[in-house]
N, C-alpha and C. Protein backbone atom coordinates (compact mmCIF):
# COMPACT_ATOMS: atom_id res chain seq x y z
N MET A 1 0.84 -1.17 0.00
CA MET A 1 0.00 0.00 0.00
C MET A 1 0.89 1.23 0.00
N PHE A 2 0.39 2.30 -0.55
CA PHE A 2 1.18 3.52 -0.60
C PHE A 2 0.45 4.66 0.09
N GLN A 3 1.19 5.66 0.44
CA GLN A 3 0.61 6.84 1.08
C GLN A 3 1.05 8.08 0.33
N PHE A 4 0.21 9.06 0.36
CA PHE A 4 0.59 10.35 -0.20
C PHE A 4 -0.06 11.43 0.64
N THR A 5 0.45 12.61 0.54
CA THR A 5 -0.11 13.74 1.28
C THR A 5 -0.41 14.87 0.32
N ILE A 6 -1.47 15.60 0.65
CA ILE A 6 -1.80 16.80 -0.11
C ILE A 6 -2.03 17.93 0.88
N ASP A 7 -1.80 19.12 0.43
CA ASP A 7 -1.99 20.25 1.33
C ASP A 7 -3.48 20.57 1.50
N GLN A 8 -3.80 21.38 2.47
CA GLN A 8 -5.20 21.73 2.80
C GLN A 8 -5.93 22.35 1.62
N ASP A 9 -5.27 23.24 0.89
CA ASP A 9 -5.93 23.90 -0.24
C ASP A 9 -6.29 22.89 -1.33
N ALA A 10 -5.39 21.96 -1.62
CA ALA A 10 -5.66 20.94 -2.63
C ALA A 10 -6.80 20.03 -2.16
N TYR A 11 -6.82 19.69 -0.88
CA TYR A 11 -7.89 18.86 -0.33
C TYR A 11 -9.24 19.57 -0.46
N LYS A 12 -9.28 20.85 -0.11
CA LYS A 12 -10.54 21.61 -0.20
C LYS A 12 -11.03 21.68 -1.64
N LEU A 13 -10.11 21.88 -2.58
CA LEU A 13 -10.48 21.94 -3.98
C LEU A 13 -11.03 20.59 -4.45
N PHE A 14 -10.36 19.51 -4.07
CA PHE A 14 -10.80 18.17 -4.43
C PHE A 14 -12.20 17.90 -3.86
N LYS A 15 -12.39 18.23 -2.60
CA LYS A 15 -13.68 18.03 -1.93
C LYS A 15 -14.78 18.84 -2.63
N TYR A 16 -14.48 20.07 -2.99
CA TYR A 16 -15.44 20.93 -3.68
C TYR A 16 -15.84 20.30 -5.03
N GLU A 17 -14.86 19.78 -5.77
CA GLU A 17 -15.13 19.18 -7.07
C GLU A 17 -16.02 17.95 -6.94
N ILE A 18 -15.75 17.13 -5.95
CA ILE A 18 -16.56 15.91 -5.74
C ILE A 18 -18.00 16.30 -5.39
N ILE A 19 -18.17 17.24 -4.49
CA ILE A 19 -19.51 17.67 -4.09
C ILE A 19 -20.24 18.27 -5.28
N SER A 20 -19.55 19.05 -6.09
CA SER A 20 -20.17 19.66 -7.27
C SER A 20 -20.68 18.60 -8.24
N GLU A 21 -19.91 17.53 -8.43
CA GLU A 21 -20.34 16.46 -9.32
C GLU A 21 -21.59 15.75 -8.80
N PHE A 22 -21.65 15.52 -7.50
CA PHE A 22 -22.86 14.91 -6.91
C PHE A 22 -24.06 15.81 -7.10
N LYS A 23 -23.89 17.10 -6.90
CA LYS A 23 -25.01 18.04 -7.06
C LYS A 23 -25.51 18.04 -8.50
N LYS A 24 -24.59 17.99 -9.47
CA LYS A 24 -25.00 17.94 -10.88
C LYS A 24 -25.84 16.71 -11.15
N GLU A 25 -25.44 15.58 -10.60
CA GLU A 25 -26.17 14.33 -10.82
C GLU A 25 -27.59 14.44 -10.27
N PHE A 26 -27.76 15.02 -9.10
CA PHE A 26 -29.10 15.18 -8.54
C PHE A 26 -29.95 16.11 -9.38
N VAL A 27 -29.37 17.17 -9.90
CA VAL A 27 -30.11 18.10 -10.75
C VAL A 27 -30.54 17.41 -12.03
N ILE A 28 -29.65 16.62 -12.62
CA ILE A 28 -29.98 15.91 -13.86
C ILE A 28 -31.12 14.94 -13.63
N GLN A 29 -31.11 14.23 -12.51
CA GLN A 29 -32.17 13.26 -12.25
C GLN A 29 -33.53 13.92 -12.05
N ASP A 30 -33.56 15.15 -11.57
CA ASP A 30 -34.82 15.83 -11.34
C ASP A 30 -35.26 16.69 -12.53
N GLU A 31 -34.55 16.59 -13.63
CA GLU A 31 -34.88 17.36 -14.82
C GLU A 31 -36.27 16.96 -15.34
N ILE A 32 -37.01 17.93 -15.84
CA ILE A 32 -38.34 17.70 -16.40
C ILE A 32 -38.23 17.62 -17.91
N LEU A 33 -38.82 16.58 -18.48
CA LEU A 33 -38.75 16.36 -19.92
C LEU A 33 -40.13 16.45 -20.55
N ASN A 34 -40.20 16.94 -21.79
CA ASN A 34 -41.46 16.90 -22.51
C ASN A 34 -41.59 15.52 -23.17
N SER A 35 -42.67 15.31 -23.91
CA SER A 35 -42.93 13.97 -24.47
C SER A 35 -41.86 13.53 -25.45
N SER A 36 -41.43 14.40 -26.33
CA SER A 36 -40.42 13.99 -27.32
C SER A 36 -39.08 13.73 -26.65
N GLU A 37 -38.72 14.51 -25.64
CA GLU A 37 -37.48 14.29 -24.90
C GLU A 37 -37.54 12.97 -24.13
N ALA A 38 -38.69 12.69 -23.53
CA ALA A 38 -38.85 11.45 -22.77
C ALA A 38 -38.77 10.24 -23.70
N ALA A 39 -39.41 10.33 -24.86
CA ALA A 39 -39.35 9.22 -25.82
C ALA A 39 -37.91 9.00 -26.28
N ALA A 40 -37.19 10.07 -26.57
CA ALA A 40 -35.79 9.94 -26.99
C ALA A 40 -34.94 9.36 -25.87
N PHE A 41 -35.18 9.80 -24.64
CA PHE A 41 -34.44 9.30 -23.49
C PHE A 41 -34.65 7.80 -23.32
N LEU A 42 -35.89 7.35 -23.50
CA LEU A 42 -36.22 5.93 -23.35
C LEU A 42 -35.93 5.12 -24.60
N LYS A 43 -35.57 5.83 -25.69
CA LYS A 43 -35.28 5.19 -26.98
C LYS A 43 -36.50 4.43 -27.50
N ILE A 44 -37.64 5.11 -27.43
CA ILE A 44 -38.89 4.58 -27.98
C ILE A 44 -39.53 5.68 -28.81
N THR A 45 -40.52 5.32 -29.60
CA THR A 45 -41.21 6.31 -30.41
C THR A 45 -42.26 7.05 -29.57
N ALA A 46 -42.68 8.20 -30.06
CA ALA A 46 -43.71 8.97 -29.35
C ALA A 46 -45.02 8.18 -29.21
N PRO A 47 -45.49 7.48 -30.26
CA PRO A 47 -46.70 6.67 -30.09
C PRO A 47 -46.56 5.58 -29.02
N THR A 48 -45.38 4.96 -28.94
CA THR A 48 -45.15 3.94 -27.93
C THR A 48 -45.16 4.56 -26.54
N LEU A 49 -44.55 5.73 -26.40
CA LEU A 49 -44.58 6.45 -25.12
C LEU A 49 -46.02 6.72 -24.71
N ASN A 50 -46.83 7.22 -25.64
CA ASN A 50 -48.24 7.52 -25.33
C ASN A 50 -49.01 6.27 -24.93
N LYS A 51 -48.71 5.15 -25.58
CA LYS A 51 -49.37 3.88 -25.23
C LYS A 51 -49.05 3.51 -23.78
N TYR A 52 -47.77 3.60 -23.41
CA TYR A 52 -47.37 3.27 -22.04
C TYR A 52 -47.96 4.25 -21.02
N VAL A 53 -48.03 5.51 -21.38
CA VAL A 53 -48.63 6.52 -20.49
C VAL A 53 -50.10 6.21 -20.29
N ASN A 54 -50.80 5.94 -21.39
CA ASN A 54 -52.24 5.66 -21.30
C ASN A 54 -52.54 4.38 -20.52
N ASN A 55 -51.59 3.42 -20.53
CA ASN A 55 -51.76 2.18 -19.76
C ASN A 55 -51.30 2.34 -18.32
N GLY A 56 -50.81 3.51 -17.95
CA GLY A 56 -50.36 3.75 -16.59
C GLY A 56 -48.99 3.16 -16.28
N GLN A 57 -48.24 2.81 -17.31
CA GLN A 57 -46.94 2.18 -17.10
C GLN A 57 -45.80 3.21 -16.94
N ILE A 58 -46.02 4.41 -17.39
CA ILE A 58 -45.01 5.47 -17.27
C ILE A 58 -45.64 6.64 -16.53
N PRO A 59 -45.06 7.02 -15.39
CA PRO A 59 -45.62 8.15 -14.63
C PRO A 59 -45.38 9.48 -15.35
N HIS A 60 -46.34 10.36 -15.22
CA HIS A 60 -46.24 11.68 -15.84
C HIS A 60 -47.11 12.65 -15.06
N PHE A 61 -47.02 13.90 -15.41
CA PHE A 61 -47.93 14.90 -14.89
C PHE A 61 -48.22 15.89 -16.01
N MET A 62 -49.27 16.64 -15.84
CA MET A 62 -49.70 17.55 -16.89
C MET A 62 -49.33 18.99 -16.54
N VAL A 63 -48.91 19.71 -17.56
CA VAL A 63 -48.71 21.16 -17.47
C VAL A 63 -49.59 21.72 -18.59
N GLY A 64 -50.75 22.22 -18.19
CA GLY A 64 -51.74 22.61 -19.20
C GLY A 64 -52.21 21.36 -19.92
N ASP A 65 -52.08 21.36 -21.24
CA ASP A 65 -52.47 20.20 -22.05
C ASP A 65 -51.29 19.30 -22.39
N ASN A 66 -50.13 19.57 -21.81
CA ASN A 66 -48.90 18.86 -22.18
C ASN A 66 -48.44 17.91 -21.09
N LYS A 67 -48.02 16.72 -21.52
CA LYS A 67 -47.46 15.75 -20.58
C LYS A 67 -46.02 16.12 -20.27
N ARG A 68 -45.63 15.93 -19.02
CA ARG A 68 -44.26 16.15 -18.58
C ARG A 68 -43.81 14.92 -17.78
N PHE A 69 -42.50 14.68 -17.82
CA PHE A 69 -41.91 13.49 -17.20
C PHE A 69 -40.69 13.89 -16.38
N ARG A 70 -40.58 13.31 -15.21
CA ARG A 70 -39.37 13.53 -14.40
C ARG A 70 -38.32 12.50 -14.83
N ARG A 71 -37.11 12.97 -15.09
CA ARG A 71 -36.04 12.05 -15.49
C ARG A 71 -35.84 10.97 -14.42
N SER A 72 -35.94 11.35 -13.15
CA SER A 72 -35.75 10.36 -12.07
C SER A 72 -36.80 9.27 -12.15
N ASP A 73 -38.04 9.61 -12.51
CA ASP A 73 -39.09 8.58 -12.67
C ASP A 73 -38.74 7.64 -13.83
N LEU A 74 -38.24 8.21 -14.92
CA LEU A 74 -37.90 7.37 -16.07
C LEU A 74 -36.72 6.46 -15.75
N LEU A 75 -35.76 6.98 -14.99
CA LEU A 75 -34.62 6.16 -14.60
C LEU A 75 -35.04 5.00 -13.69
N ASN A 76 -36.11 5.18 -12.95
CA ASN A 76 -36.57 4.16 -11.99
C ASN A 76 -37.56 3.17 -12.59
N LEU A 77 -37.87 3.29 -13.87
CA LEU A 77 -38.87 2.40 -14.48
C LEU A 77 -38.50 0.94 -14.37
N GLY A 78 -37.26 0.60 -14.55
CA GLY A 78 -36.85 -0.80 -14.55
C GLY A 78 -36.59 -1.37 -13.16
N LYS A 79 -36.69 -0.55 -12.14
CA LYS A 79 -36.41 -1.03 -10.79
C LYS A 79 -37.63 -1.68 -10.19
N SER A 80 -37.42 -2.76 -9.48
CA SER A 80 -38.50 -3.51 -8.84
C SER A 80 -38.96 -2.81 -7.57
N ASN A 81 -40.20 -2.92 -7.24
CA ASN A 81 -40.75 -2.35 -6.01
C ASN A 81 -40.62 -3.29 -4.83
N THR A 82 -40.10 -4.48 -5.04
CA THR A 82 -40.00 -5.47 -3.97
C THR A 82 -38.68 -5.37 -3.26
């Protein structure tokens, strides 16, 4: 095993960079997508997306007359509830 040392300023910078990357990931997961963006994200066609939405298989919410999707919900589609 090896050891190395870094000064306080380098450590603070490293810590800041790591925290910034985690924050970006959380923001990306909470991003709101429209129907075409959601279909592209899932790599399916818009009609297929609408079929899944109408069957209750893909969670969404409405903004006026438009469907919106949370990226975090789409990422969790394949995860089991058990």
